[in-house]
Amino acid sequence: MITLKTILAPTDFSTTSNVALDHAKALAEKFGSTLHLIHVLPDPHAQAWSVEAAGIPLDDMLTRWREEALVRLTGMLTDEERQSLRAVVETRVGHPFLEIIRYAKQHEVDLIVMGTHGRGAIEHMLLGSVAEKVVRKAPCPVLTVRQGQVQFAMP
């Protein structure tokens, strides 16, 4: 029998990620799993932005981004959901697919549930796909969800 003790739902705060989170919450509820919700922030030190030239130190910016992301992550779950799903919310800094995989390994995640944007062939070729990279490299099964897919019906 499959046991899902820990479910990871990475989010980029898009509508598609919200749909995937609904699936992750339903599965976590059904299996009595702990739900981990993460958001990966870009590393401003690895970006060639002119932010520091504008007088905003990168470390201050990153701290502000983290605080804003944690507020948004926490707001994606009700108080009841956070308690019943033993929810963990966290931010990471770096490349999304790498940080999602690192997190999954570190926390012994049993299932990753994430949205996929279903980009066209040209966009996919130029930008790649975080979901595709996670599927290829994840240490556990990955459920990808597209916006507009059929929702689970819970008995």
C-alpha atoms as a PDB file:
ATOM      1  CA  MET A   1       0.000   0.000   0.000  1.00  0.00           C
ATOM      2  CA  ILE A   2       1.186   3.484  -0.801  1.00  0.00           C
ATOM      3  CA  THR A   3       1.720   5.733   2.192  1.00  0.00           C
ATOM      4  CA  LEU A   4       1.958   9.457   1.740  1.00  0.00           C
ATOM      5  CA  LYS A   5       3.303  10.902   4.981  1.00  0.00           C
ATOM      6  CA  THR A   6       4.650  14.098   3.446  1.00  0.00           C
ATOM      7  CA  ILE A   7       3.304  15.999   0.444  1.00  0.00           C
ATOM      8  CA  LEU A   8       5.140  18.956  -1.049  1.00  0.00           C
ATOM      9  CA  ALA A   9       3.303  21.683  -2.959  1.00  0.00           C
ATOM     10  CA  PRO A  10       5.707  24.198  -4.522  1.00  0.00           C
ATOM     11  CA  THR A  11       4.026  27.410  -5.624  1.00  0.00           C
ATOM     12  CA  ASP A  12       4.853  30.388  -7.792  1.00  0.00           C
ATOM     13  CA  PHE A  13       1.553  31.997  -6.692  1.00  0.00           C
ATOM     14  CA  SER A  14       0.002  31.466 -10.126  1.00  0.00           C
ATOM     15  CA  THR A  15      -3.552  30.266 -10.733  1.00  0.00           C
ATOM     16  CA  THR A  16      -2.138  26.928 -11.873  1.00  0.00           C
ATOM     17  CA  SER A  17      -0.208  26.561  -8.608  1.00  0.00           C
ATOM     18  CA  ASN A  18      -3.405  27.312  -6.704  1.00  0.00           C
ATOM     19  CA  VAL A  19      -5.195  24.498  -8.543  1.00  0.00           C
ATOM     20  CA  ALA A  20      -2.301  22.141  -7.741  1.00  0.00           C
ATOM     21  CA  LEU A  21      -2.481  23.213  -4.086  1.00  0.00           C
ATOM     22  CA  ASP A  22      -6.162  22.231  -4.011  1.00  0.00           C
ATOM     23  CA  HIS A  23      -5.135  18.754  -5.173  1.00  0.00           C
ATOM     24  CA  ALA A  24      -2.311  18.592  -2.627  1.00  0.00           C
ATOM     25  CA  LYS A  25      -4.639  19.607   0.208  1.00  0.00           C
ATOM     26  CA  ALA A  26      -7.227  16.997  -0.806  1.00  0.00           C
ATOM     27  CA  LEU A  27      -4.594  14.263  -0.957  1.00  0.00           C
ATOM     28  CA  ALA A  28      -3.018  15.342   2.348  1.00  0.00           C
ATOM     29  CA  GLU A  29      -6.421  15.283   3.999  1.00  0.00           C
ATOM     30  CA  LYS A  30      -7.299  11.876   2.547  1.00  0.00           C
ATOM     31  CA  PHE A  31      -3.974  10.263   3.534  1.00  0.00           C
ATOM     32  CA  GLY A  32      -3.426  12.157   6.786  1.00  0.00           C
ATOM     33  CA  SER A  33      -0.231  13.620   5.340  1.00  0.00           C
ATOM     34  CA  THR A  34       1.778  16.612   6.422  1.00  0.00           C
ATOM     35  CA  LEU A  35       1.569  19.334   3.771  1.00  0.00           C
ATOM     36  CA  HIS A  36       4.678  21.339   2.949  1.00  0.00           C
ATOM     37  CA  LEU A  37       4.135  24.529   0.952  1.00  0.00           C
ATOM     38  CA  ILE A  38       7.197  26.286  -0.453  1.00  0.00           C
ATOM     39  CA  HIS A  39       8.029  29.196  -2.715  1.00  0.00           C
ATOM     40  CA  VAL A  40      11.441  29.639  -4.326  1.00  0.00           C
ATOM     41  CA  LEU A  41      12.718  33.188  -4.616  1.00  0.00           C
ATOM     42  CA  PRO A  42      15.277  34.207  -7.223  1.00  0.00           C
ATOM     43  CA  ASP A  43      18.712  34.902  -5.775  1.00  0.00           C
ATOM     44  CA  PRO A  44      19.235  38.638  -6.267  1.00  0.00           C
ATOM     45  CA  HIS A  45      22.997  38.140  -5.900  1.00  0.00           C
ATOM     46  CA  ALA A  46      22.942  35.990  -9.044  1.00  0.00           C
ATOM     47  CA  GLN A  47      20.981  38.571 -11.023  1.00  0.00           C
ATOM     48  CA  ALA A  48      22.553  41.449 -12.921  1.00  0.00           C
ATOM     49  CA  TRP A  49      19.966  43.954 -11.760  1.00  0.00           C
ATOM     50  CA  SER A  50      20.534  47.603 -11.160  1.00  0.00           C
ATOM     51  CA  VAL A  51      18.790  47.473  -7.791  1.00  0.00           C
ATOM     52  CA  GLU A  52      21.881  48.207  -5.750  1.00  0.00           C
ATOM     53  CA  ALA A  53      22.593  51.075  -8.125  1.00  0.00           C
ATOM     54  CA  ALA A  54      19.166  52.418  -7.149  1.00  0.00           C
ATOM     55  CA  GLY A  55      20.247  52.360  -3.488  1.00  0.00           C
ATOM     56  CA  ILE A  56      18.487  49.172  -2.324  1.00  0.00           C
ATOM     57  CA  PRO A  57      20.904  46.644  -0.807  1.00  0.00           C
ATOM     58  CA  LEU A  58      20.297  43.143  -2.153  1.00  0.00           C
ATOM     59  CA  ASP A  59      20.177  41.565   1.309  1.00  0.00           C
ATOM     60  CA  ASP A  60      17.442  44.013   2.350  1.00  0.00           C
ATOM     61  CA  MET A  61      15.514  43.229  -0.811  1.00  0.00           C
ATOM     62  CA  LEU A  62      15.787  39.481  -0.215  1.00  0.00           C
ATOM     63  CA  THR A  63      14.607  39.883   3.381  1.00  0.00           C
ATOM     64  CA  ARG A  64      11.609  41.869   2.167  1.00  0.00           C
ATOM     65  CA  TRP A  65      10.812  39.290  -0.543  1.00  0.00           C
ATOM     66  CA  ARG A  66      11.011  36.472   2.005  1.00  0.00           C
ATOM     67  CA  GLU A  67       8.671  38.251   4.410  1.00  0.00           C
ATOM     68  CA  GLU A  68       6.159  38.966   1.640  1.00  0.00           C
ATOM     69  CA  ALA A  69       6.323  35.383   0.354  1.00  0.00           C
ATOM     70  CA  LEU A  70       5.773  33.935   3.848  1.00  0.00           C
ATOM     71  CA  VAL A  71       2.714  36.137   4.307  1.00  0.00           C
ATOM     72  CA  ARG A  72       1.336  34.953   0.961  1.00  0.00           C
ATOM     73  CA  LEU A  73       2.145  31.297   1.693  1.00  0.00           C
ATOM     74  CA  THR A  74       0.489  31.448   5.099  1.00  0.00           C
ATOM     75  CA  GLY A  75      -2.572  33.110   3.536  1.00  0.00           C
ATOM     76  CA  MET A  76      -3.005  30.223   1.089  1.00  0.00           C
ATOM     77  CA  LEU A  77      -4.198  27.989   3.921  1.00  0.00           C
ATOM     78  CA  THR A  78      -6.878  28.601   6.501  1.00  0.00           C
ATOM     79  CA  ASP A  79      -5.993  28.315  10.176  1.00  0.00           C
ATOM     80  CA  GLU A  80      -7.939  25.050  10.254  1.00  0.00           C
ATOM     81  CA  GLU A  81      -6.011  23.671   7.242  1.00  0.00           C
ATOM     82  CA  ARG A  82      -2.658  24.669   8.741  1.00  0.00           C
ATOM     83  CA  GLN A  83      -3.540  22.795  11.904  1.00  0.00           C
ATOM     84  CA  SER A  84      -5.239  19.704  10.436  1.00  0.00           C
ATOM     85  CA  LEU A  85      -2.582  19.217   7.723  1.00  0.00           C
ATOM     86  CA  ARG A  86       0.286  20.078  10.086  1.00  0.00           C
ATOM     87  CA  ALA A  87       1.323  22.510   7.391  1.00  0.00           C
ATOM     88  CA  VAL A  88       4.872  23.732   6.975  1.00  0.00           C
ATOM     89  CA  VAL A  89       5.480  26.897   4.951  1.00  0.00           C
ATOM     90  CA  GLU A  90       8.938  27.894   3.820  1.00  0.00           C
ATOM     91  CA  THR A  91      10.797  29.978   1.292  1.00  0.00           C
ATOM     92  CA  ARG A  92      13.990  29.003  -0.472  1.00  0.00           C
ATOM     93  CA  VAL A  93      16.373  31.060  -2.581  1.00  0.00           C
ATOM     94  CA  GLY A  94      17.807  29.816  -5.859  1.00  0.00           C
ATOM     95  CA  HIS A  95      16.713  28.025  -9.004  1.00  0.00           C
ATOM     96  CA  PRO A  96      13.165  26.685  -8.511  1.00  0.00           C
ATOM     97  CA  PHE A  97      13.651  23.129  -9.764  1.00  0.00           C
ATOM     98  CA  LEU A  98      16.893  22.634  -7.814  1.00  0.00           C
ATOM     99  CA  GLU A  99      15.441  23.969  -4.582  1.00  0.00           C
ATOM    100  CA  ILE A 100      12.260  21.899  -4.958  1.00  0.00           C
ATOM    101  CA  ILE A 101      14.334  18.741  -5.397  1.00  0.00           C
ATOM    102  CA  ARG A 102      16.653  19.643  -2.491  1.00  0.00           C
ATOM    103  CA  TYR A 103      13.676  20.292  -0.252  1.00  0.00           C
ATOM    104  CA  ALA A 104      12.044  16.994  -1.239  1.00  0.00           C
ATOM    105  CA  LYS A 105      15.220  15.085  -0.399  1.00  0.00           C
ATOM    106  CA  GLN A 106      15.845  16.905   2.879  1.00  0.00           C
ATOM    107  CA  HIS A 107      12.297  16.342   4.114  1.00  0.00           C
ATOM    108  CA  GLU A 108      11.839  12.841   2.698  1.00  0.00           C
ATOM    109  CA  VAL A 109       8.804  13.943   0.694  1.00  0.00           C
ATOM    110  CA  ASP A 110       6.589  11.117  -0.575  1.00  0.00           C
ATOM    111  CA  LEU A 111       4.788  13.106  -3.301  1.00  0.00           C
ATOM    112  CA  ILE A 112       5.250  16.452  -5.028  1.00  0.00           C
ATOM    113  CA  VAL A 113       2.098  18.086  -6.376  1.00  0.00           C
ATOM    114  CA  MET A 114       2.780  21.035  -8.644  1.00  0.00           C
ATOM    115  CA  GLY A 115       1.251  23.045 -11.429  1.00  0.00           C
ATOM    116  CA  THR A 116       2.442  23.043 -14.981  1.00  0.00           C
ATOM    117  CA  HIS A 117       1.711  25.952 -17.269  1.00  0.00           C
ATOM    118  CA  GLY A 118       1.532  23.955 -20.471  1.00  0.00           C
ATOM    119  CA  ARG A 119       3.663  26.331 -22.499  1.00  0.00           C
ATOM    120  CA  GLY A 120       3.835  26.016 -26.253  1.00  0.00           C
ATOM    121  CA  ALA A 121       6.753  24.294 -27.993  1.00  0.00           C
ATOM    122  CA  ILE A 122       8.722  27.500 -28.658  1.00  0.00           C
ATOM    123  CA  GLU A 123       8.306  28.842 -25.116  1.00  0.00           C
ATOM    124  CA  HIS A 124       9.202  25.446 -23.712  1.00  0.00           C
ATOM    125  CA  MET A 125      12.328  25.253 -25.848  1.00  0.00           C
ATOM    126  CA  LEU A 126      13.449  28.746 -24.799  1.00  0.00           C
ATOM    127  CA  LEU A 127      12.406  28.737 -21.151  1.00  0.00           C
ATOM    128  CA  GLY A 128      12.347  25.079 -20.211  1.00  0.00           C
ATOM    129  CA  SER A 129       9.895  23.753 -17.689  1.00  0.00           C
ATOM    130  CA  VAL A 130      10.358  23.683 -13.937  1.00  0.00           C
ATOM    131  CA  ALA A 131       7.759  20.920 -13.689  1.00  0.00           C
ATOM    132  CA  GLU A 132       9.499  18.816 -16.339  1.00  0.00           C
ATOM    133  CA  LYS A 133      12.864  19.156 -14.605  1.00  0.00           C
ATOM    134  CA  VAL A 134      11.320  18.236 -11.256  1.00  0.00           C
ATOM    135  CA  VAL A 135       9.631  15.176 -12.788  1.00  0.00           C
ATOM    136  CA  ARG A 136      12.970  14.034 -14.226  1.00  0.00           C
ATOM    137  CA  LYS A 137      15.060  14.581 -11.097  1.00  0.00           C
ATOM    138  CA  ALA A 138      12.685  14.199  -8.137  1.00  0.00           C
ATOM    139  CA  PRO A 139      13.390  11.537  -5.531  1.00  0.00           C
ATOM    140  CA  CYS A 140       9.664  10.706  -5.367  1.00  0.00           C
ATOM    141  CA  PRO A 141       6.563  10.645  -7.602  1.00  0.00           C
ATOM    142  CA  VAL A 142       5.362  13.973  -8.999  1.00  0.00           C
ATOM    143  CA  LEU A 143       1.750  14.821  -9.786  1.00  0.00           C
ATOM    144  CA  THR A 144       1.526  17.678 -12.283  1.00  0.00           C
ATOM    145  CA  VAL A 145      -1.692  19.626 -12.574  1.00  0.00           C
ATOM    146  CA  ARG A 146      -2.816  21.950 -15.322  1.00  0.00           C
ATOM    147  CA  GLN A 147      -5.240  24.758 -14.792  1.00  0.00           C
ATOM    148  CA  GLY A 148      -8.705  23.675 -15.875  1.00  0.00           C
ATOM    149  CA  GLN A 149      -8.175  19.978 -15.192  1.00  0.00           C
ATOM    150  CA  VAL A 150     -10.957  18.090 -13.513  1.00  0.00           C
ATOM    151  CA  GLN A 151     -11.035  18.564  -9.737  1.00  0.00           C
ATOM    152  CA  PHE A 152     -11.030  15.606  -7.369  1.00  0.00           C
ATOM    153  CA  ALA A 153     -14.411  14.609  -6.027  1.00  0.00           C
ATOM    154  CA  MET A 154     -14.041  13.501  -2.442  1.00  0.00           C
ATOM    155  CA  PRO A 155     -16.552  10.890  -1.260  1.00  0.00           C
END
